[in-house]
N, C-alpha and C. Protein backbone atom coordinates (compact mmCIF):
# COMPACT_ATOMS: atom_id res chain seq x y z
N MET A 1 10.32 -28.66 16.59
CA MET A 1 9.47 -28.26 15.48
C MET A 1 10.29 -27.02 14.75
N GLN A 2 10.21 -27.27 13.45
CA GLN A 2 11.05 -26.36 12.72
C GLN A 2 10.42 -24.97 12.32
N PRO A 3 10.94 -23.87 12.64
CA PRO A 3 10.33 -22.55 12.32
C PRO A 3 9.88 -22.61 10.88
N GLU A 4 8.81 -21.79 10.51
CA GLU A 4 8.41 -21.46 9.28
C GLU A 4 9.30 -20.95 8.41
N GLY A 5 9.46 -21.58 7.22
CA GLY A 5 10.35 -20.82 6.19
C GLY A 5 11.88 -21.41 6.26
N LEU A 6 12.38 -22.00 7.33
CA LEU A 6 13.74 -22.54 7.74
C LEU A 6 13.87 -23.95 7.14
N PRO A 7 15.08 -23.91 6.46
CA PRO A 7 15.51 -25.01 5.57
C PRO A 7 15.68 -26.33 6.69
N GLU A 8 15.24 -27.42 6.37
CA GLU A 8 15.42 -28.64 7.35
C GLU A 8 16.62 -28.59 8.09
N GLY A 9 16.76 -28.94 9.45
CA GLY A 9 17.97 -28.96 10.07
C GLY A 9 18.52 -28.02 10.68
N TYR A 10 18.00 -26.57 10.49
CA TYR A 10 18.68 -25.57 10.68
C TYR A 10 17.91 -25.05 12.18
N GLN A 11 18.61 -24.52 13.16
CA GLN A 11 18.14 -23.91 14.42
C GLN A 11 18.93 -22.63 14.64
N PRO A 12 18.38 -21.91 15.45
CA PRO A 12 18.93 -20.53 15.88
C PRO A 12 20.40 -20.82 16.24
N LEU A 13 21.27 -19.70 15.88
CA LEU A 13 22.63 -19.99 16.16
C LEU A 13 22.84 -19.92 17.68
N PHE A 14 23.76 -20.80 18.04
CA PHE A 14 24.07 -21.02 19.60
C PHE A 14 24.69 -19.89 20.32
N ARG A 15 25.19 -18.77 19.56
CA ARG A 15 25.83 -17.75 20.12
C ARG A 15 25.42 -16.50 19.28
N THR A 16 25.24 -15.35 20.04
CA THR A 16 25.01 -14.05 19.36
C THR A 16 25.53 -12.79 20.02
N SER A 17 25.29 -11.76 19.67
CA SER A 17 25.85 -10.64 19.96
C SER A 17 24.94 -9.38 19.78
N PRO A 18 25.10 -8.13 20.26
CA PRO A 18 24.05 -7.07 19.91
C PRO A 18 24.21 -6.73 18.38
N PHE A 19 25.43 -6.78 17.83
CA PHE A 19 25.65 -6.78 16.43
C PHE A 19 25.06 -7.76 15.56
N LEU A 20 25.18 -8.92 15.95
CA LEU A 20 24.57 -10.21 15.34
C LEU A 20 22.97 -10.24 15.46
N ASP A 21 22.47 -9.59 16.56
CA ASP A 21 20.93 -9.55 16.68
C ASP A 21 20.51 -8.49 15.66
N ALA A 22 21.22 -7.56 15.40
CA ALA A 22 20.81 -6.23 14.50
C ALA A 22 20.87 -6.92 13.11
N THR A 23 21.95 -7.47 12.93
CA THR A 23 21.93 -7.94 11.44
C THR A 23 21.50 -9.68 10.99
N GLY A 24 21.02 -10.17 12.10
CA GLY A 24 20.54 -11.42 11.96
C GLY A 24 18.95 -11.69 11.44
N PRO A 25 18.13 -12.70 11.75
CA PRO A 25 18.75 -13.64 12.77
C PRO A 25 19.49 -14.78 11.82
N TYR A 26 20.58 -15.34 12.41
CA TYR A 26 21.35 -16.35 11.97
C TYR A 26 21.06 -17.80 12.52
N PHE A 27 21.28 -18.95 11.71
CA PHE A 27 20.88 -20.17 11.81
C PHE A 27 22.08 -20.94 11.74
N TYR A 28 21.93 -22.13 12.20
CA TYR A 28 23.27 -23.05 11.91
C TYR A 28 22.38 -24.51 11.72
N LYS A 29 23.14 -25.49 11.13
CA LYS A 29 22.84 -26.92 10.77
C LYS A 29 24.24 -27.82 11.00
N PRO A 30 24.16 -28.57 12.07
CA PRO A 30 25.30 -29.60 12.18
C PRO A 30 25.55 -30.34 10.82
N THR A 31 26.93 -30.52 10.39
CA THR A 31 27.43 -31.29 9.51
C THR A 31 28.36 -32.17 9.85
N GLU A 32 28.87 -33.13 9.03
CA GLU A 32 29.95 -34.10 9.52
C GLU A 32 31.23 -33.28 9.53
N GLN A 33 31.42 -32.07 9.04
CA GLN A 33 32.60 -31.23 9.06
C GLN A 33 32.43 -30.06 10.14
N GLY A 34 31.39 -30.02 10.71
CA GLY A 34 31.14 -28.91 11.79
C GLY A 34 29.92 -28.54 11.67
N PHE A 35 29.46 -27.40 10.94
CA PHE A 35 28.18 -26.87 10.63
C PHE A 35 28.14 -25.74 9.82
N THR A 36 26.97 -25.54 8.99
CA THR A 36 26.70 -24.46 8.13
C THR A 36 25.87 -23.47 8.86
N VAL A 37 26.24 -22.15 8.56
CA VAL A 37 25.53 -21.05 8.90
C VAL A 37 24.82 -20.21 7.85
N GLY A 38 23.54 -19.97 8.05
CA GLY A 38 22.57 -19.36 7.14
C GLY A 38 21.83 -18.34 7.78
N LEU A 39 21.11 -17.75 6.75
CA LEU A 39 20.10 -16.80 7.18
C LEU A 39 19.17 -16.61 5.82
N ARG A 40 17.86 -16.12 6.13
CA ARG A 40 17.00 -15.71 4.98
C ARG A 40 17.23 -14.24 4.77
N VAL A 41 17.34 -13.73 3.60
CA VAL A 41 17.53 -12.48 3.35
C VAL A 41 16.28 -11.72 3.44
N GLU A 42 16.44 -10.53 4.17
CA GLU A 42 15.30 -9.76 4.53
C GLU A 42 15.44 -8.39 3.91
N GLN A 43 14.54 -7.47 3.92
CA GLN A 43 14.66 -6.14 3.36
C GLN A 43 15.82 -5.33 4.03
N LYS A 44 15.84 -5.47 5.20
CA LYS A 44 16.96 -4.88 6.03
C LYS A 44 18.20 -5.26 5.67
N HIS A 45 18.62 -6.37 4.89
CA HIS A 45 19.72 -6.88 4.46
C HIS A 45 20.24 -6.44 3.06
N THR A 46 19.44 -5.46 2.50
CA THR A 46 19.62 -5.26 0.89
C THR A 46 20.37 -3.86 0.92
N ASN A 47 20.78 -3.55 -0.15
CA ASN A 47 21.53 -2.41 -0.61
C ASN A 47 20.35 -1.59 -1.56
N ALA A 48 20.76 -0.36 -2.04
CA ALA A 48 19.87 0.35 -2.73
C ALA A 48 19.41 -0.21 -4.00
N SER A 49 20.23 -1.37 -4.71
CA SER A 49 19.67 -2.05 -5.64
C SER A 49 18.75 -3.14 -5.38
N GLY A 50 18.52 -3.40 -4.12
CA GLY A 50 17.48 -4.54 -3.82
C GLY A 50 18.03 -5.85 -3.60
N THR A 51 19.38 -5.94 -3.65
CA THR A 51 20.13 -7.14 -3.44
C THR A 51 20.91 -7.24 -2.04
N VAL A 52 21.45 -8.42 -1.69
CA VAL A 52 21.81 -8.56 -0.48
C VAL A 52 23.21 -7.66 -0.34
N HIS A 53 23.36 -6.93 0.72
CA HIS A 53 24.38 -6.09 0.91
C HIS A 53 25.64 -6.72 1.18
N GLY A 54 26.78 -6.27 0.60
CA GLY A 54 28.21 -6.96 0.57
C GLY A 54 28.43 -6.79 2.00
N GLY A 55 28.18 -5.99 2.98
CA GLY A 55 28.51 -5.99 4.35
C GLY A 55 27.77 -7.19 5.06
N LEU A 56 26.58 -7.48 4.58
CA LEU A 56 25.95 -8.58 5.37
C LEU A 56 26.78 -9.94 5.01
N VAL A 57 27.11 -10.05 3.68
CA VAL A 57 27.83 -11.20 3.21
C VAL A 57 29.10 -11.30 4.01
N ALA A 58 29.92 -10.18 4.33
CA ALA A 58 30.98 -10.22 4.94
C ALA A 58 30.90 -10.73 6.34
N THR A 59 29.72 -10.11 7.06
CA THR A 59 29.38 -10.57 8.30
C THR A 59 29.07 -11.98 8.55
N LEU A 60 28.37 -12.59 7.37
CA LEU A 60 28.03 -13.97 7.39
C LEU A 60 29.54 -14.80 7.39
N ALA A 61 30.38 -14.29 6.49
CA ALA A 61 31.45 -15.04 6.11
C ALA A 61 32.39 -15.10 7.57
N ASP A 62 32.45 -13.94 8.26
CA ASP A 62 33.26 -13.78 9.40
C ASP A 62 32.85 -14.53 10.45
N VAL A 63 31.45 -14.54 10.62
CA VAL A 63 30.86 -15.31 11.82
C VAL A 63 30.96 -16.93 11.56
N SER A 64 30.61 -17.27 10.26
CA SER A 64 30.67 -18.69 9.88
C SER A 64 32.22 -19.14 9.96
N LEU A 65 33.11 -18.49 9.44
CA LEU A 65 34.46 -18.89 9.55
C LEU A 65 34.99 -19.04 10.73
N GLY A 66 34.76 -17.93 11.73
CA GLY A 66 35.19 -17.82 13.09
C GLY A 66 34.65 -19.00 13.84
N TYR A 67 33.29 -19.14 14.02
CA TYR A 67 32.57 -20.12 14.78
C TYR A 67 32.79 -21.50 14.45
N VAL A 68 32.79 -21.79 13.21
CA VAL A 68 33.33 -23.12 12.73
C VAL A 68 34.87 -23.57 13.04
N THR A 69 35.64 -22.58 12.82
CA THR A 69 37.00 -22.88 13.05
C THR A 69 37.29 -23.01 14.62
N ALA A 70 36.81 -22.08 15.32
CA ALA A 70 36.89 -22.08 16.71
C ALA A 70 36.55 -23.42 17.44
N THR A 71 35.29 -23.89 17.06
CA THR A 71 34.69 -25.22 17.59
C THR A 71 35.27 -26.41 16.86
N SER A 72 36.24 -26.38 15.92
CA SER A 72 36.91 -27.48 15.32
C SER A 72 37.87 -28.04 16.43
N GLN A 73 38.14 -27.47 17.53
CA GLN A 73 39.12 -27.89 18.54
C GLN A 73 38.31 -27.98 20.03
N GLN A 74 38.76 -28.90 20.82
CA GLN A 74 38.15 -28.89 22.19
C GLN A 74 39.24 -28.62 23.16
N PRO A 75 39.12 -27.80 24.01
CA PRO A 75 37.99 -26.80 24.16
C PRO A 75 38.15 -25.80 22.93
N PRO A 76 36.92 -25.28 22.78
CA PRO A 76 37.09 -24.19 21.55
C PRO A 76 38.05 -23.24 21.75
N LEU A 77 38.65 -22.81 20.53
CA LEU A 77 39.60 -21.93 20.48
C LEU A 77 39.00 -20.27 20.80
N ARG A 78 39.92 -19.61 21.48
CA ARG A 78 39.52 -18.03 21.39
C ARG A 78 40.39 -17.46 20.24
N MET A 79 39.65 -16.82 19.46
CA MET A 79 40.39 -15.91 18.23
C MET A 79 39.93 -14.69 18.03
N THR A 80 40.64 -13.94 17.09
CA THR A 80 40.26 -12.87 16.59
C THR A 80 40.82 -12.94 15.17
N THR A 81 40.00 -12.09 14.38
CA THR A 81 40.14 -12.14 12.96
C THR A 81 41.33 -11.29 12.65
N ALA A 82 42.23 -11.92 11.93
CA ALA A 82 43.53 -11.08 11.30
C ALA A 82 43.40 -10.67 9.97
N ASN A 83 42.69 -11.50 9.31
CA ASN A 83 42.30 -11.17 7.69
C ASN A 83 41.22 -11.81 7.14
N LEU A 84 40.28 -11.25 6.55
CA LEU A 84 39.21 -11.72 5.87
C LEU A 84 39.18 -11.18 4.47
N SER A 85 39.00 -12.22 3.61
CA SER A 85 39.30 -12.03 2.26
C SER A 85 37.77 -12.41 1.44
N ILE A 86 37.30 -11.63 0.69
CA ILE A 86 35.92 -11.87 0.09
C ILE A 86 36.07 -11.64 -1.48
N ASP A 87 35.63 -12.50 -2.39
CA ASP A 87 35.41 -12.37 -3.69
C ASP A 87 34.10 -12.49 -3.72
N TYR A 88 33.32 -11.42 -4.22
CA TYR A 88 31.68 -11.23 -4.46
C TYR A 88 31.64 -11.90 -5.90
N VAL A 89 30.89 -12.99 -5.98
CA VAL A 89 30.75 -13.64 -7.50
C VAL A 89 29.26 -13.80 -7.81
N GLY A 90 28.43 -13.46 -6.93
CA GLY A 90 26.99 -13.46 -7.30
C GLY A 90 26.16 -12.62 -6.37
N THR A 91 24.93 -12.80 -6.21
CA THR A 91 24.09 -12.06 -5.36
C THR A 91 23.03 -12.78 -5.00
N ALA A 92 22.11 -12.14 -3.94
CA ALA A 92 20.83 -12.91 -3.37
C ALA A 92 19.91 -11.76 -3.46
N ARG A 93 18.65 -11.94 -3.27
CA ARG A 93 17.45 -11.11 -3.21
C ARG A 93 16.51 -11.43 -2.03
N VAL A 94 15.84 -10.61 -1.58
CA VAL A 94 14.85 -10.90 -0.45
C VAL A 94 14.22 -11.97 -0.65
N GLY A 95 14.16 -12.91 0.55
CA GLY A 95 13.44 -14.21 0.44
C GLY A 95 14.30 -15.36 0.18
N ASP A 96 15.70 -14.90 -0.49
CA ASP A 96 16.60 -16.09 -0.70
C ASP A 96 17.18 -16.59 0.67
N TRP A 97 17.57 -17.89 0.83
CA TRP A 97 18.24 -18.60 1.88
C TRP A 97 19.73 -18.56 1.53
N ILE A 98 20.61 -17.85 2.21
CA ILE A 98 22.03 -17.83 1.91
C ILE A 98 22.87 -18.58 3.07
N GLU A 99 23.63 -19.39 2.57
CA GLU A 99 24.43 -20.21 3.57
C GLU A 99 25.80 -20.19 3.25
N SER A 100 26.74 -20.64 4.27
CA SER A 100 28.09 -20.47 4.31
C SER A 100 28.56 -21.79 4.74
N GLN A 101 29.35 -22.60 3.90
CA GLN A 101 29.80 -23.88 4.04
C GLN A 101 31.28 -23.71 4.22
N VAL A 102 31.76 -24.10 5.68
CA VAL A 102 33.21 -23.79 5.86
C VAL A 102 33.93 -24.92 5.66
N GLU A 103 35.34 -24.73 5.27
CA GLU A 103 36.34 -25.74 5.45
C GLU A 103 37.41 -25.08 6.30
N VAL A 104 37.70 -25.83 7.29
CA VAL A 104 38.97 -25.48 8.30
C VAL A 104 39.99 -26.17 7.46
N ILE A 105 41.11 -25.35 7.16
CA ILE A 105 42.38 -25.64 6.50
C ILE A 105 43.29 -26.03 7.67
N LYS A 106 43.49 -25.44 8.65
CA LYS A 106 44.41 -25.60 9.76
C LYS A 106 44.11 -24.86 10.88
N ALA A 107 44.03 -25.37 12.17
CA ALA A 107 43.95 -24.67 13.44
C ALA A 107 45.22 -25.00 14.26
N GLY A 108 46.00 -24.20 14.24
CA GLY A 108 47.27 -24.28 15.12
C GLY A 108 47.24 -23.63 16.37
N SER A 109 48.30 -23.54 17.09
CA SER A 109 48.34 -22.86 18.41
C SER A 109 48.46 -21.33 18.25
N ARG A 110 48.94 -20.83 17.13
CA ARG A 110 49.09 -19.35 16.92
C ARG A 110 48.28 -18.97 15.89
N LEU A 111 47.89 -19.58 14.76
CA LEU A 111 47.12 -19.17 13.79
C LEU A 111 46.21 -20.10 13.26
N ALA A 112 45.17 -19.73 12.71
CA ALA A 112 43.98 -20.57 12.32
C ALA A 112 43.66 -20.08 10.89
N PHE A 113 43.34 -21.06 9.92
CA PHE A 113 43.05 -20.65 8.56
C PHE A 113 41.70 -21.53 8.04
N ALA A 114 40.84 -20.81 7.40
CA ALA A 114 39.68 -21.52 6.88
C ALA A 114 39.26 -20.79 5.71
N LYS A 115 38.36 -21.34 4.79
CA LYS A 115 37.61 -20.94 3.75
C LYS A 115 36.30 -21.36 3.74
N ALA A 116 35.37 -20.54 2.94
CA ALA A 116 34.06 -20.72 2.85
C ALA A 116 33.37 -20.40 1.49
N LEU A 117 32.46 -21.16 1.08
CA LEU A 117 31.72 -20.69 -0.13
C LEU A 117 30.40 -20.50 0.46
N ILE A 118 29.79 -19.06 0.19
CA ILE A 118 28.71 -18.43 0.38
C ILE A 118 27.67 -18.83 -0.83
N SER A 119 26.65 -19.40 -0.61
CA SER A 119 25.77 -19.57 -1.82
C SER A 119 24.26 -19.18 -1.45
N ALA A 120 23.58 -18.96 -2.56
CA ALA A 120 22.26 -18.82 -2.48
C ALA A 120 21.40 -19.88 -3.55
N GLY A 121 20.64 -20.51 -3.01
CA GLY A 121 19.86 -21.59 -4.07
C GLY A 121 20.94 -22.43 -4.76
N GLY A 122 21.91 -22.73 -4.18
CA GLY A 122 22.98 -23.59 -5.02
C GLY A 122 24.00 -22.70 -5.79
N LYS A 123 23.83 -21.47 -6.04
CA LYS A 123 24.68 -20.60 -6.89
C LYS A 123 25.54 -19.79 -5.94
N PRO A 124 26.90 -19.47 -6.40
CA PRO A 124 27.74 -18.89 -5.52
C PRO A 124 27.41 -17.42 -5.48
N VAL A 125 27.53 -16.84 -4.19
CA VAL A 125 27.50 -15.64 -3.91
C VAL A 125 28.85 -14.99 -3.57
N ALA A 126 29.65 -15.62 -2.86
CA ALA A 126 30.91 -15.23 -2.42
C ALA A 126 31.81 -16.45 -2.04
N SER A 127 33.11 -16.10 -2.47
CA SER A 127 34.28 -17.10 -2.08
C SER A 127 35.06 -16.40 -1.06
N THR A 128 35.25 -16.98 0.28
CA THR A 128 35.88 -16.18 1.19
C THR A 128 36.96 -17.00 2.00
N SER A 129 37.82 -16.30 2.57
CA SER A 129 38.88 -17.02 3.45
C SER A 129 39.38 -16.30 4.73
N ALA A 130 39.76 -16.70 5.57
CA ALA A 130 40.07 -15.94 6.75
C ALA A 130 41.44 -16.54 7.55
N VAL A 131 42.12 -15.80 8.01
CA VAL A 131 43.18 -16.17 9.04
C VAL A 131 42.88 -15.49 10.36
N PHE A 132 42.98 -16.43 11.23
CA PHE A 132 42.59 -15.93 12.70
C PHE A 132 43.79 -15.96 13.55
N LEU A 133 44.13 -15.01 14.59
CA LEU A 133 44.97 -15.08 15.63
C LEU A 133 44.35 -15.95 16.78
N VAL A 134 44.83 -16.98 17.09
CA VAL A 134 44.50 -17.75 18.29
C VAL A 134 45.10 -17.08 19.63
N VAL A 135 44.15 -16.75 20.48
CA VAL A 135 44.67 -16.10 21.53
C VAL A 135 44.27 -16.88 22.74
N GLY A 136 44.16 -18.12 22.71
CA GLY A 136 43.98 -19.09 23.74
C GLY A 136 42.57 -20.13 23.53
N ALA A 137 42.09 -20.63 24.54
CA ALA A 137 41.08 -21.62 24.42
C ALA A 137 40.03 -21.09 25.45
N GLN A 138 38.89 -21.32 24.97
CA GLN A 138 37.67 -20.77 25.71
C GLN A 138 37.57 -21.49 27.04
N GLN A 139 37.20 -20.87 28.17
CA GLN A 139 36.84 -21.42 29.45
C GLN A 139 35.58 -22.08 29.37
N GLU A 140 35.51 -23.39 29.99
CA GLU A 140 34.28 -24.11 29.84
C GLU A 140 33.54 -23.83 31.13
C-alpha cells in the first residue's frame, strides 16, 4: 500500500542514520539504472525565504549520489565523499516533491564518479556531481 502523498513506486529509503532521520524522511524508487531518491518538502526543510534550504538539497545530493553509486557494484562499495559539487538552478516550496536522478559515470577500485539532476515537478533545482574514495566492499 502506497503511503498518502507519495508518488507511485516510492518506498522508504532502505538505509538511514540519525542525521537522515532528522532531515528526512527519504524515499526511493527502483529504476533501470538503479533508483531515484526523493522527499516531500516540509516546513522543517525551508530557509527564511520559505523555499527549500540549500543544505537539504546538498544532503539529498550526497545521499542519492552515494547510495546509487555504491549499489551499482556487487557487493556494494564502501565509499566516502571526496568532493560534492552543486549548482543551484531553481527552488522548491513546502509540499513539492523533489527527487534526484543519478547517473554513475564510473565506479573503479579507488575512485567513483557520478552526477545527478535534482528536480521538483519536472523543473531543475540543482545540478550536482560527486567524487567518492572507494575504501572497500561492504560485508554481506
